[in-house]
Amino acid sequence: MNIFERSVGGRRYRIASQSLWDPLLQRPFARQAVLGPADPPPVADLALARTVGTRRVGDVGALLWVAGQLDLIKRIDEACGVPAPTGGPTIGEMVLAVAVQRACAPAAKCHLAAFLEACGPRLSCLPASAFTGQAFHRLAGQVTAERLESAQIAIARATVQHFELSTDVLAFDTTNFDTHIATTTPGELARRGKAKSKRSDLRVVGLAVLVSETGHVPLLQRTCPGNGSDQSVLGDCLQALGRLHEALDAGAARGRPAIRTLVRDGGPWSEQLELDLDVEGYATLISLPMSHKASQVALEYAAKRGVMRRLGGKLGDVRAARLRTPVGELDRTLVVVESEELLRGQKRGIAVALGKAKEELRKLQRVAARGRITRGRLEQRLSQALRREHLAEFVVTEVSGNGKRLALDWHVDAARRRRLERTRLGRRVLCTDRHIWSTGRIVYAFRGQWNVEEVFRRAKKGGIVPWGPSLQWADDSLRLHTFAAVIGLTLVSLARLALGTRQSARSMMKSLADIRATLVRVRAQERGRRPTVLLAPDLSAEQRKAAKLFELERWLPALLSSMHLGASRASTTPAA
């Protein structure tokens, strides 16, 4: 979008001009909108001045600057190939509008026009009233999942090329979000499954995300059924991962294909999936389930005296053991990592579970003594009581007697509990085909998995770019809504990366949101409509840096004087 001034009727006005491509007619077309007068404000009677509202400038302007660097609207429009409706927004403009709304003031689509009207920066030359929920649903029905996937890959390539992200290690994980869609409503995405919110009465929609090691930037996302497993979702994404691999190589201008490492949290081990990822050009790093045979071998090896050793550098408080052994038919390096934080958490969980189990065991003792339970039923309830938190490994139970004369004896074996804490608790078994990596590099790469968890926290209720509440019910609308939410997460991550701040993403967005223009309506000396003047706020040093980087003066020229005054005050302040 280009901002310039034009003289009309003896007065100067600031004009926004936007050039777009019509995929149906195969030709460009232009839009223009008047932002307001560029002449200095008239002499006013300040005694009669009053404020009539504010306009968002900082947070919206920063996200639109990032979108402009990526040419986001054009890339989405070209990838989706959906013709723009007459007088309405293109799909790229709609996605960007929803993404910015989710990041700055999350609300339903019916409030989108009011949100855009309250913003100083403009993402389109169309009036805000053109961005409606009905327009969103119409556009969602015209775009396919394959087209959205192509748009993601194009955006990922531009992101790596412009912001120089490191993509040698990528983290993958899935989550789900609650919906309030009725059970009788048809659809493939909203399913009943194991909800992350622990609710069992709602249908959930799944989200899989691939995140860069630096910057927490989502590079690929997939909206999936809420009852899908990590393994099945990753298997469905293999073709997209291959295309992304080639796009990232092109964006980084590599002379030869890179070998990227895909980091996954604990889940079922699939030998075929490991081979498929290798074909697509990805090495793997996964936390093996403790029940896996290779995990048992690694834990027995790590339990030997002197095998666990402390790592150096930033991981000096971490102990690990390493061995190379076959996992199934594949040659893999296993690293057993000991975490004090994980050990403390597991001990707390065992203490809580043991307290509940003791109550259940005492109850079963009384029921067995009264002859009100059969042996088969008693053994079944014992198994249920001790199934969690490794209780079955150190709580010893014995059922004696026949018929209705049953007796239950149980006790906690302290020696077994200590051995469990010494050899298994607080430990993970990492499995990788990166044999040339050092042990510290393997552990550090796996710890990058928290980048995905951080993205999910930002997308949950109360986060920076919350996915819900979502009032969509059709699969197409749910898919486009999720795509827009992930675009919002990408813009926030890139804005923080470009600003180079040590603040959290939430603190950064709050600081940017404080850069608002105050609308003051004054009574001029001459006759006519009372003018409205935009006044710039006082800026902190961090806000002045953001205003300069994100070029916020395009939308509020008065910021230039505010920044100049702030800088001059800082330079004239005597040293302490």
Protein backbone atom coordinates (compact mmCIF):
# COMPACT_ATOMS: atom_id res chain seq x y z
CA MET A 1 0.00 0.00 0.00
CA ASN A 2 1.35 3.41 -1.04
CA ILE A 3 0.65 6.60 0.94
CA PHE A 4 0.91 9.97 -0.82
CA GLU A 5 -0.58 13.48 -0.76
CA ARG A 6 -2.81 15.13 -3.34
CA SER A 7 -4.14 18.67 -3.68
CA VAL A 8 -7.93 18.89 -4.21
CA GLY A 9 -9.77 22.23 -4.27
CA GLY A 10 -6.88 24.12 -2.75
CA ARG A 11 -6.46 21.68 0.17
CA ARG A 12 -4.07 18.75 0.55
CA TYR A 13 -5.25 15.24 1.45
CA ARG A 14 -3.43 12.03 2.34
CA ILE A 15 -4.36 9.21 -0.04
CA ALA A 16 -3.84 5.44 0.34
CA SER A 17 -3.42 3.58 -2.96
CA GLN A 18 -3.50 -0.19 -3.29
CA SER A 19 -2.71 -2.32 -6.36
CA LEU A 20 -4.21 -5.81 -6.54
CA TRP A 21 -4.28 -8.63 -9.08
CA ASP A 22 -7.53 -10.01 -10.45
CA PRO A 23 -6.93 -13.75 -11.09
CA LEU A 24 -10.18 -14.03 -13.08
CA LEU A 25 -9.50 -11.20 -15.56
CA GLN A 26 -5.72 -11.69 -15.37
CA ARG A 27 -4.99 -7.99 -14.92
CA PRO A 28 -4.17 -5.59 -12.09
CA PHE A 29 -6.61 -3.14 -10.62
CA ALA A 30 -6.20 -0.26 -8.17
CA ARG A 31 -8.07 1.04 -5.15
CA GLN A 32 -7.78 4.41 -3.43
CA ALA A 33 -9.06 5.75 -0.13
CA VAL A 34 -8.81 9.18 1.48
CA LEU A 35 -7.12 8.97 4.88
CA GLY A 36 -7.77 12.60 5.81
CA PRO A 37 -6.50 16.16 5.31
CA ALA A 38 -2.73 16.68 5.22
CA ASP A 39 -2.86 20.43 5.99
CA PRO A 40 -1.90 21.49 9.50
CA PRO A 41 -4.91 21.62 11.85
CA PRO A 42 -6.71 24.99 12.06
CA VAL A 43 -6.44 27.33 15.02
CA ALA A 44 -8.82 26.01 17.65
CA ASP A 45 -10.45 27.15 20.83
CA LEU A 46 -8.87 24.69 23.26
CA ALA A 47 -11.35 25.68 25.97
CA LEU A 48 -14.09 24.01 23.92
CA ALA A 49 -12.03 20.96 22.81
CA ARG A 50 -13.13 17.48 23.88
CA THR A 51 -11.96 13.94 23.19
CA VAL A 52 -14.28 11.76 21.14
CA GLY A 53 -12.38 8.48 21.07
CA THR A 54 -9.11 6.77 20.18
CA ARG A 55 -7.64 4.92 17.22
CA ARG A 56 -5.36 1.88 17.38
CA VAL A 57 -1.98 2.58 15.80
CA GLY A 58 0.88 0.62 17.39
CA ASP A 59 -0.23 -3.02 17.48
CA VAL A 60 -2.19 -2.97 14.22
CA GLY A 61 0.50 -0.95 12.44
CA ALA A 62 3.26 -3.36 13.54
CA LEU A 63 1.39 -6.44 12.31
CA LEU A 64 0.51 -4.79 9.00
CA TRP A 65 4.18 -3.82 8.56
CA VAL A 66 5.19 -7.48 8.96
CA ALA A 67 2.45 -8.51 6.54
CA GLY A 68 3.72 -5.94 4.07
CA GLN A 69 7.27 -7.28 4.30
CA LEU A 70 5.97 -10.75 3.41
CA ASP A 71 3.55 -9.43 0.76
CA LEU A 72 1.05 -11.57 2.60
CA ILE A 73 -2.15 -10.57 0.82
CA LYS A 74 -0.69 -11.14 -2.64
CA ARG A 75 0.75 -14.55 -1.74
CA ILE A 76 -2.53 -15.79 -0.28
CA ASP A 77 -4.55 -14.47 -3.23
CA GLU A 78 -2.22 -16.06 -5.78
CA ALA A 79 -2.12 -19.41 -3.97
CA CYS A 80 -5.88 -19.61 -3.39
CA GLY A 81 -6.95 -18.27 -6.80
CA VAL A 82 -10.33 -17.08 -5.52
CA PRO A 83 -11.68 -14.09 -7.50
CA ALA A 84 -12.48 -11.05 -5.40
CA PRO A 85 -16.21 -10.33 -5.14
CA THR A 86 -17.44 -7.02 -6.51
CA GLY A 87 -16.98 -4.40 -3.84
CA GLY A 88 -15.74 -6.97 -1.35
CA PRO A 89 -12.37 -8.02 0.10
CA THR A 90 -10.14 -10.66 -1.43
CA ILE A 91 -9.42 -13.79 0.56
CA GLY A 92 -5.97 -12.45 1.45
CA GLU A 93 -7.44 -9.23 2.82
CA MET A 94 -10.07 -11.14 4.80
CA VAL A 95 -7.51 -13.54 6.29
CA LEU A 96 -5.23 -10.66 7.28
CA ALA A 97 -8.14 -8.72 8.81
CA VAL A 98 -9.21 -11.71 10.91
CA ALA A 99 -5.59 -12.46 11.91
CA VAL A 100 -5.01 -8.89 13.11
CA GLN A 101 -8.32 -8.87 14.96
CA ARG A 102 -7.47 -12.13 16.76
CA ALA A 103 -4.07 -10.72 17.79
CA CYS A 104 -5.25 -7.26 18.91
CA ALA A 105 -8.89 -7.54 20.04
CA PRO A 106 -10.27 -11.10 19.74
CA ALA A 107 -13.98 -11.07 18.95
CA ALA A 108 -16.57 -12.61 16.65
CA LYS A 109 -16.63 -11.88 12.92
CA CYS A 110 -19.70 -9.67 13.38
CA HIS A 111 -17.44 -7.19 15.24
CA LEU A 112 -14.73 -7.21 12.55
CA ALA A 113 -15.99 -4.07 10.77
CA ALA A 114 -16.18 -2.11 14.04
CA PHE A 115 -12.63 -3.21 14.90
CA LEU A 116 -11.24 -2.06 11.55
CA GLU A 117 -13.10 1.24 11.88
CA ALA A 118 -11.36 1.84 15.21
CA CYS A 119 -7.88 1.31 13.69
CA GLY A 120 -5.71 4.07 12.28
CA PRO A 121 -3.72 1.83 9.89
CA ARG A 122 -5.58 0.47 6.87
CA LEU A 123 -5.03 -2.99 5.41
CA SER A 124 -7.30 -2.27 2.46
CA CYS A 125 -8.76 0.70 0.64
CA LEU A 126 -12.21 -0.86 1.03
CA PRO A 127 -14.54 0.55 3.68
CA ALA A 128 -14.59 -1.36 6.96
CA SER A 129 -18.24 -2.27 6.42
CA ALA A 130 -17.17 -4.64 3.59
CA PHE A 131 -15.54 -7.01 6.12
CA THR A 132 -18.46 -9.01 7.46
CA GLY A 133 -19.01 -12.50 8.77
CA GLN A 134 -21.09 -13.35 5.71
CA ALA A 135 -18.21 -12.35 3.42
CA PHE A 136 -15.86 -14.54 5.47
CA HIS A 137 -18.11 -17.60 5.13
CA ARG A 138 -18.60 -17.05 1.39
CA LEU A 139 -14.84 -16.90 0.83
CA ALA A 140 -14.27 -19.94 3.06
CA GLY A 141 -16.58 -22.00 0.87
CA GLN A 142 -14.50 -21.23 -2.24
CA VAL A 143 -11.05 -22.21 -0.99
CA THR A 144 -9.76 -25.77 -0.54
CA ALA A 145 -7.37 -27.22 2.01
CA GLU A 146 -4.79 -27.83 -0.73
CA ARG A 147 -4.87 -24.15 -1.74
CA LEU A 148 -4.40 -23.00 1.85
CA GLU A 149 -1.47 -25.41 2.16
CA SER A 150 0.16 -23.84 -0.92
CA ALA A 151 -0.32 -20.40 0.63
CA GLN A 152 1.37 -21.56 3.86
CA ILE A 153 4.39 -22.87 1.97
CA ALA A 154 4.71 -19.63 -0.03
CA ILE A 155 4.51 -17.59 3.19
CA ALA A 156 7.09 -19.85 4.90
CA ARG A 157 9.50 -19.36 2.02
CA ALA A 158 9.09 -15.56 2.18
CA THR A 159 9.50 -15.64 5.98
CA VAL A 160 12.79 -17.53 5.84
CA GLN A 161 14.06 -15.35 3.01
CA HIS A 162 13.19 -11.98 4.60
CA PHE A 163 13.73 -12.65 8.31
CA GLU A 164 16.60 -15.15 7.92
CA LEU A 165 15.15 -17.79 10.22
CA SER A 166 17.10 -20.89 11.17
CA THR A 167 15.12 -23.92 9.96
CA ASP A 168 17.62 -26.73 10.55
CA VAL A 169 15.56 -27.96 13.52
CA LEU A 170 11.75 -27.90 13.35
CA ALA A 171 9.38 -28.90 16.16
CA PHE A 172 6.05 -30.65 15.49
CA ASP A 173 3.10 -31.16 17.81
CA THR A 174 -0.70 -31.22 17.86
CA THR A 175 -3.42 -29.82 20.11
CA ASN A 176 -7.18 -29.38 19.97
CA PHE A 177 -9.75 -26.69 20.73
CA ASP A 178 -13.24 -26.94 22.17
CA THR A 179 -16.22 -26.07 19.98
CA HIS A 180 -19.89 -25.71 20.80
CA ILE A 181 -21.11 -27.46 17.65
CA ALA A 182 -24.17 -29.65 18.15
CA THR A 183 -23.74 -33.40 17.88
CA THR A 184 -26.24 -33.58 15.02
CA THR A 185 -24.36 -30.98 12.92
CA PRO A 186 -22.54 -32.75 10.07
CA GLY A 187 -18.80 -32.25 9.71
CA GLU A 188 -15.47 -34.04 9.55
CA LEU A 189 -13.28 -31.73 11.65
CA ALA A 190 -15.26 -31.35 14.89
CA ARG A 191 -15.12 -34.76 16.60
CA ARG A 192 -15.39 -36.11 20.10
CA GLY A 193 -11.98 -37.08 21.39
CA LYS A 194 -9.50 -36.59 24.21
CA ALA A 195 -9.84 -32.83 24.72
CA LYS A 196 -6.88 -30.90 26.10
CA SER A 197 -9.33 -28.95 28.28
CA LYS A 198 -10.33 -32.26 30.01
CA ARG A 199 -13.96 -31.76 28.94
CA SER A 200 -15.80 -34.74 27.50
CA ASP A 201 -19.08 -33.05 26.50
CA LEU A 202 -17.79 -31.00 23.54
CA ARG A 203 -16.59 -31.74 20.02
CA VAL A 204 -13.01 -30.65 19.41
CA VAL A 205 -11.05 -29.50 16.36
CA GLY A 206 -7.40 -30.53 16.03
CA LEU A 207 -4.45 -28.37 15.00
CA ALA A 208 -0.99 -29.58 13.97
CA VAL A 209 1.81 -27.00 13.80
CA LEU A 210 5.43 -27.07 12.62
CA VAL A 211 7.51 -24.36 14.32
CA SER A 212 11.01 -23.01 13.69
CA GLU A 213 13.67 -23.40 16.37
CA THR A 214 14.20 -19.63 16.60
CA GLY A 215 11.45 -17.08 16.96
CA HIS A 216 8.57 -19.52 17.60
CA VAL A 217 7.40 -18.90 14.03
CA PRO A 218 4.78 -21.36 12.66
CA LEU A 219 5.84 -22.52 9.19
CA LEU A 220 3.17 -25.13 8.48
CA GLN A 221 -0.20 -25.91 10.03
CA ARG A 222 -2.92 -28.46 9.38
CA THR A 223 -6.50 -28.37 10.67
CA CYS A 224 -7.41 -31.97 11.43
CA PRO A 225 -10.18 -33.99 13.13
CA GLY A 226 -10.13 -33.64 16.89
CA ASN A 227 -9.82 -37.39 17.50
CA GLY A 228 -6.72 -37.89 15.33
CA SER A 229 -3.39 -39.08 16.74
CA ASP A 230 -0.05 -37.31 16.30
CA GLN A 231 1.23 -40.20 14.20
CA SER A 232 -1.71 -40.23 11.76
CA VAL A 233 -1.70 -36.44 11.38
CA LEU A 234 2.04 -36.38 10.68
CA GLY A 235 1.58 -39.16 8.14
CA ASP A 236 -1.03 -37.05 6.33
CA CYS A 237 1.38 -34.10 6.24
CA LEU A 238 4.26 -35.95 4.57
CA GLN A 239 3.66 -34.53 1.11
CA ALA A 240 3.34 -31.00 2.50
CA LEU A 241 6.55 -31.50 4.49
CA GLY A 242 8.38 -32.45 1.31
CA ARG A 243 7.15 -29.32 -0.49
CA LEU A 244 8.03 -27.19 2.54
CA HIS A 245 11.53 -28.69 2.60
CA GLU A 246 12.14 -27.60 -0.99
CA ALA A 247 10.62 -24.15 -0.39
CA LEU A 248 12.82 -23.52 2.66
CA ASP A 249 15.91 -24.49 0.68
CA ALA A 250 14.91 -22.03 -2.04
CA GLY A 251 14.16 -19.29 0.50
CA ALA A 252 17.54 -19.75 2.20
CA ALA A 253 19.28 -19.89 -1.22
CA ARG A 254 21.09 -23.13 -0.36
CA GLY A 255 23.38 -24.62 -2.95
CA ARG A 256 22.43 -28.17 -2.00
CA PRO A 257 19.48 -29.66 -0.10
CA ALA A 258 19.67 -29.34 3.67
CA ILE A 259 19.02 -32.13 6.18
CA ARG A 260 16.44 -30.82 8.61
CA THR A 261 15.60 -32.47 11.91
CA LEU A 262 11.97 -32.96 12.93
CA VAL A 263 11.51 -32.97 16.71
CA ARG A 264 8.47 -34.69 18.19
CA ASP A 265 7.24 -35.22 21.72
CA GLY A 266 6.51 -38.67 23.08
CA GLY A 267 4.21 -40.83 21.00
CA PRO A 268 3.90 -44.25 19.35
CA TRP A 269 7.01 -45.36 17.49
CA SER A 270 6.44 -46.11 13.81
CA GLU A 271 9.26 -47.56 11.80
CA GLN A 272 7.46 -46.85 8.51
CA LEU A 273 6.89 -43.19 9.47
CA GLU A 274 10.59 -42.81 10.23
CA LEU A 275 11.44 -44.16 6.78
CA ASP A 276 8.88 -41.88 5.10
CA LEU A 277 10.35 -38.82 6.83
CA ASP A 278 13.81 -39.84 5.68
CA VAL A 279 12.56 -39.98 2.09
CA GLU A 280 11.21 -36.42 2.42
CA GLY A 281 14.63 -35.21 3.64
CA TYR A 282 14.05 -35.05 7.41
CA ALA A 283 16.07 -36.55 10.20
CA THR A 284 14.07 -37.34 13.33
CA LEU A 285 14.31 -36.79 17.07
CA ILE A 286 11.56 -38.26 19.24
CA SER A 287 10.97 -39.11 22.87
CA LEU A 288 10.30 -42.86 22.97
CA PRO A 289 7.48 -44.23 25.15
CA MET A 290 8.80 -45.81 28.34
CA SER A 291 6.95 -49.01 27.48
CA HIS A 292 9.01 -49.49 24.31
CA LYS A 293 11.56 -52.31 24.37
CA ALA A 294 14.38 -49.97 23.32
CA SER A 295 13.50 -47.64 26.21
CA GLN A 296 13.86 -50.50 28.67
CA VAL A 297 17.28 -51.35 27.24
CA ALA A 298 18.40 -47.72 27.47
CA LEU A 299 17.14 -47.32 31.05
CA GLU A 300 18.93 -50.49 32.16
CA TYR A 301 22.13 -49.21 30.57
CA ALA A 302 21.75 -45.79 32.24
CA ALA A 303 21.22 -47.45 35.64
CA LYS A 304 24.80 -48.75 35.64
CA ARG A 305 27.28 -46.97 37.85
CA GLY A 306 29.17 -44.10 36.22
CA VAL A 307 27.21 -44.12 32.94
CA MET A 308 25.15 -40.98 33.55
CA ARG A 309 27.40 -37.94 33.12
CA ARG A 310 26.81 -34.21 33.38
CA LEU A 311 26.77 -32.16 30.20
CA GLY A 312 28.76 -28.97 29.87
CA GLY A 313 27.91 -25.37 29.07
CA LYS A 314 24.28 -24.24 29.49
CA LEU A 315 23.29 -27.83 30.22
CA GLY A 316 25.71 -28.25 33.11
CA ASP A 317 22.92 -29.29 35.50
CA VAL A 318 21.71 -32.07 33.18
CA ARG A 319 22.91 -35.68 33.33
CA ALA A 320 22.68 -37.99 30.33
CA ALA A 321 23.78 -41.37 29.03
CA ARG A 322 24.21 -42.32 25.39
CA LEU A 323 24.26 -45.57 23.42
CA ARG A 324 23.78 -46.68 19.83
CA THR A 325 21.49 -49.66 19.29
CA PRO A 326 18.92 -51.01 16.83
CA VAL A 327 15.34 -49.83 17.33
CA GLY A 328 13.29 -52.31 15.39
CA GLU A 329 15.20 -52.66 12.10
CA LEU A 330 16.65 -49.13 12.24
CA ASP A 331 20.00 -47.97 13.58
CA ARG A 332 19.40 -45.28 16.19
CA THR A 333 21.21 -43.29 18.88
CA LEU A 334 19.45 -43.30 22.26
CA VAL A 335 20.06 -40.64 24.89
CA VAL A 336 18.70 -41.04 28.42
CA VAL A 337 18.21 -37.59 29.95
CA GLU A 338 17.66 -36.91 33.63
CA SER A 339 15.59 -33.88 34.57
CA GLU A 340 15.23 -32.72 38.17
CA GLU A 341 12.15 -30.68 37.28
CA LEU A 342 10.46 -33.70 35.70
CA LEU A 343 11.43 -35.84 38.70
CA ARG A 344 9.86 -33.36 41.16
CA GLY A 345 6.68 -33.22 39.09
CA GLN A 346 6.41 -37.01 38.90
CA LYS A 347 6.97 -37.33 42.64
CA ARG A 348 4.15 -34.88 43.28
CA GLY A 349 1.91 -36.83 40.94
CA ILE A 350 2.79 -40.13 42.63
CA ALA A 351 2.04 -38.68 46.07
CA VAL A 352 -1.43 -37.53 44.99
CA ALA A 353 -2.22 -40.79 43.15
CA LEU A 354 -0.95 -42.88 46.07
CA GLY A 355 -3.24 -41.07 48.51
CA LYS A 356 -6.28 -41.82 46.34
CA ALA A 357 -5.14 -45.41 45.81
CA LYS A 358 -4.80 -46.02 49.55
CA GLU A 359 -8.39 -44.93 50.13
CA GLU A 360 -9.58 -47.27 47.38
CA LEU A 361 -7.49 -50.17 48.76
CA ARG A 362 -8.90 -49.72 52.28
CA LYS A 363 -12.39 -49.68 50.81
CA LEU A 364 -11.70 -52.88 48.88
CA GLN A 365 -10.33 -54.50 52.05
CA ARG A 366 -13.62 -53.87 53.84
CA VAL A 367 -15.71 -55.04 50.87
CA ALA A 368 -13.64 -58.24 50.55
CA ALA A 369 -13.89 -58.97 54.28
CA ARG A 370 -17.70 -58.73 54.09
CA GLY A 371 -17.80 -61.14 51.16
CA ARG A 372 -19.53 -58.71 48.80
CA ILE A 373 -17.16 -59.07 45.83
CA THR A 374 -15.86 -61.87 43.65
CA ARG A 375 -12.18 -62.56 43.10
CA GLY A 376 -12.34 -61.54 39.44
CA ARG A 377 -14.05 -58.25 40.22
CA LEU A 378 -11.67 -57.56 43.09
CA GLU A 379 -8.60 -58.09 40.91
CA GLN A 380 -10.10 -55.85 38.23
CA ARG A 381 -10.67 -52.99 40.69
CA LEU A 382 -7.17 -53.45 42.09
CA SER A 383 -5.74 -53.07 38.60
CA GLN A 384 -7.78 -49.88 38.07
CA ALA A 385 -6.68 -48.41 41.41
CA LEU A 386 -2.97 -48.95 40.66
CA ARG A 387 -2.90 -48.23 36.95
CA ARG A 388 -1.62 -44.66 37.18
CA GLU A 389 1.71 -43.04 38.08
CA HIS A 390 3.70 -46.34 38.29
CA LEU A 391 1.84 -47.38 41.46
CA ALA A 392 1.70 -51.03 40.41
CA GLU A 393 5.50 -51.20 40.51
CA PHE A 394 5.87 -50.54 44.26
CA VAL A 395 2.43 -51.16 45.80
CA VAL A 396 2.29 -54.89 46.57
CA THR A 397 -1.14 -56.52 46.83
CA GLU A 398 -2.12 -60.10 47.70
CA VAL A 399 -5.59 -61.67 47.49
CA SER A 400 -6.10 -64.83 49.53
CA GLY A 401 -9.09 -67.07 50.29
CA ASN A 402 -11.75 -68.71 48.15
CA GLY A 403 -15.37 -68.06 47.31
CA LYS A 404 -16.85 -65.31 49.42
CA ARG A 405 -14.11 -65.53 52.05
CA LEU A 406 -11.54 -63.27 50.48
CA ALA A 407 -8.82 -61.28 52.19
CA LEU A 408 -6.85 -58.43 50.70
CA ASP A 409 -3.41 -57.53 52.03
CA TRP A 410 -1.36 -54.65 50.62
CA HIS A 411 1.65 -52.53 51.52
CA VAL A 412 3.96 -49.94 49.95
CA ASP A 413 7.41 -51.42 49.23
CA ALA A 414 9.82 -48.58 50.06
CA ALA A 415 12.80 -50.33 48.43
CA ARG A 416 10.96 -50.75 45.13
CA ARG A 417 9.86 -47.11 45.26
CA ARG A 418 13.43 -45.90 45.78
CA ARG A 419 14.66 -48.09 42.93
CA LEU A 420 11.93 -46.69 40.66
CA GLU A 421 12.97 -43.12 41.51
CA ARG A 422 16.63 -43.93 40.95
CA THR A 423 16.32 -45.79 37.63
CA ARG A 424 13.23 -44.50 35.83
CA LEU A 425 11.51 -41.42 37.24
CA GLY A 426 12.66 -38.05 35.94
CA ARG A 427 14.15 -39.62 32.82
CA ARG A 428 13.34 -39.46 29.12
CA VAL A 429 14.67 -41.64 26.33
CA LEU A 430 15.44 -39.65 23.20
CA CYS A 431 15.80 -41.48 19.90
CA THR A 432 17.45 -39.96 16.83
CA ASP A 433 19.27 -40.80 13.62
CA ARG A 434 21.58 -37.79 14.06
CA HIS A 435 24.54 -39.95 15.06
CA ILE A 436 27.13 -37.21 14.48
CA TRP A 437 25.43 -34.78 16.88
CA SER A 438 26.87 -34.38 20.34
CA THR A 439 24.76 -35.40 23.32
CA GLY A 440 24.34 -31.76 24.32
CA ARG A 441 23.08 -30.83 20.85
CA ILE A 442 20.51 -33.64 20.93
CA VAL A 443 19.22 -32.56 24.34
CA TYR A 444 19.15 -28.88 23.35
CA ALA A 445 17.27 -29.66 20.12
CA PHE A 446 14.64 -31.67 21.97
CA ARG A 447 14.15 -28.88 24.47
CA GLY A 448 13.14 -26.74 21.49
CA GLN A 449 9.87 -28.69 21.58
CA TRP A 450 8.65 -26.13 24.11
CA ASN A 451 8.48 -23.65 21.19
CA VAL A 452 5.37 -25.46 19.96
CA GLU A 453 3.92 -25.53 23.46
CA GLU A 454 4.47 -21.77 23.66
CA VAL A 455 2.59 -21.29 20.38
CA PHE A 456 -0.27 -23.42 21.69
CA ARG A 457 -0.43 -21.39 24.90
CA ARG A 458 -0.74 -18.24 22.81
CA ALA A 459 -3.60 -19.83 20.84
CA LYS A 460 -5.53 -21.07 23.87
CA LYS A 461 -8.20 -19.17 25.78
CA GLY A 462 -6.67 -16.11 27.42
CA GLY A 463 -3.64 -16.17 25.09
CA ILE A 464 -2.35 -13.53 22.70
CA VAL A 465 -4.06 -14.90 19.58
CA PRO A 466 -6.83 -17.13 20.98
CA TRP A 467 -8.44 -19.57 18.57
CA GLY A 468 -11.76 -19.43 20.37
CA PRO A 469 -14.45 -18.76 20.98
CA SER A 470 -15.24 -19.78 17.41
CA LEU A 471 -18.80 -19.51 16.14
CA GLN A 472 -18.07 -21.41 12.90
CA TRP A 473 -19.76 -24.75 12.34
CA ALA A 474 -18.92 -25.68 8.71
CA ASP A 475 -15.61 -27.41 7.97
CA ASP A 476 -14.57 -24.80 5.39
CA SER A 477 -15.12 -21.95 7.84
CA LEU A 478 -13.32 -23.80 10.66
CA ARG A 479 -10.35 -24.45 8.37
CA LEU A 480 -10.08 -20.82 7.23
CA HIS A 481 -10.58 -19.53 10.79
CA THR A 482 -7.74 -21.75 12.03
CA PHE A 483 -5.54 -20.64 9.14
CA ALA A 484 -6.16 -16.97 10.02
CA ALA A 485 -5.41 -17.62 13.71
CA VAL A 486 -2.06 -19.23 12.86
CA ILE A 487 -1.27 -16.28 10.53
CA GLY A 488 -1.89 -14.03 13.54
CA LEU A 489 0.56 -16.09 15.61
CA THR A 490 3.11 -15.81 12.80
CA LEU A 491 2.77 -12.02 12.60
CA VAL A 492 3.20 -11.63 16.37
CA SER A 493 6.29 -13.87 16.41
CA LEU A 494 7.90 -12.03 13.48
CA ALA A 495 7.12 -8.61 14.98
CA ARG A 496 8.87 -9.65 18.20
CA LEU A 497 11.79 -11.06 16.20
CA ALA A 498 12.12 -7.88 14.13
CA LEU A 499 11.94 -5.65 17.19
CA GLY A 500 14.67 -7.67 18.90
CA THR A 501 13.10 -7.19 22.32
CA ARG A 502 13.57 -9.34 25.38
CA GLN A 503 9.98 -8.73 26.39
CA SER A 504 7.50 -11.55 26.16
CA ALA A 505 5.10 -11.51 23.25
CA ARG A 506 2.27 -10.47 25.57
CA SER A 507 4.25 -7.56 27.03
CA MET A 508 5.31 -6.44 23.56
CA MET A 509 1.74 -6.43 22.25
CA LYS A 510 0.56 -4.52 25.34
CA SER A 511 3.29 -1.91 24.82
CA LEU A 512 2.36 -1.55 21.15
CA ALA A 513 -1.35 -1.33 22.01
CA ASP A 514 -0.60 1.71 24.17
CA ILE A 515 0.45 3.64 21.04
CA ARG A 516 -2.97 5.08 20.29
CA ALA A 517 -4.11 8.26 18.61
CA THR A 518 -6.54 10.40 20.63
CA LEU A 519 -9.34 11.99 18.63
CA VAL A 520 -9.94 15.56 19.75
CA ARG A 521 -12.83 17.55 18.31
CA VAL A 522 -12.28 21.32 18.44
CA ARG A 523 -14.29 24.42 17.53
CA ALA A 524 -12.46 26.45 14.91
CA GLN A 525 -12.65 30.23 14.50
CA GLU A 526 -14.16 29.87 11.04
CA ARG A 527 -17.56 28.52 10.13
CA GLY A 528 -18.16 24.97 8.98
CA ARG A 529 -17.84 21.43 10.27
CA ARG A 530 -15.84 21.11 13.44
CA PRO A 531 -12.54 19.36 12.63
CA THR A 532 -11.25 16.28 14.41
CA VAL A 533 -7.53 16.17 15.18
CA LEU A 534 -5.45 13.05 15.95
CA LEU A 535 -3.06 13.63 18.84
CA ALA A 536 -0.02 11.39 19.34
CA PRO A 537 0.74 9.90 22.79
CA ASP A 538 3.91 10.27 24.81
CA LEU A 539 6.23 7.40 23.88
CA SER A 540 8.69 5.43 25.93
CA ALA A 541 12.11 4.52 24.53
CA GLU A 542 10.87 1.06 23.54
CA GLN A 543 7.80 2.53 21.86
CA ARG A 544 9.89 5.09 19.94
CA LYS A 545 12.04 2.24 18.66
CA ALA A 546 8.93 0.33 17.55
CA ALA A 547 7.40 3.40 15.92
CA LYS A 548 10.55 3.96 13.87
CA LEU A 549 10.98 0.30 12.90
CA PHE A 550 7.36 -0.32 11.94
CA GLU A 551 7.02 3.07 10.20
CA LEU A 552 3.99 4.06 12.24
CA GLU A 553 4.31 7.69 11.12
CA ARG A 554 2.67 6.64 7.84
CA TRP A 555 -0.59 6.33 9.71
CA LEU A 556 -0.03 9.04 12.30
CA PRO A 557 2.38 11.79 11.14
CA ALA A 558 2.11 13.49 14.54
CA LEU A 559 4.25 10.63 15.91
CA LEU A 560 7.29 12.25 14.26
CA SER A 561 7.04 15.29 16.52
CA SER A 562 6.39 13.05 19.51
CA MET A 563 9.46 10.95 18.75
CA HIS A 564 11.59 14.06 18.19
CA LEU A 565 10.54 15.62 21.48
CA GLY A 566 11.17 12.39 23.34
CA ALA A 567 14.64 12.07 21.83
CA SER A 568 15.53 15.70 22.60
CA ARG A 569 14.42 15.34 26.21
CA ALA A 570 16.54 12.23 26.56
CA SER A 571 19.59 14.01 25.13
CA THR A 572 19.22 17.08 27.38
CA THR A 573 18.71 15.13 30.59
CA PRO A 574 21.82 15.54 32.79
CA ALA A 575 23.66 12.41 33.76
CA ALA A 576 23.21 11.12 37.27
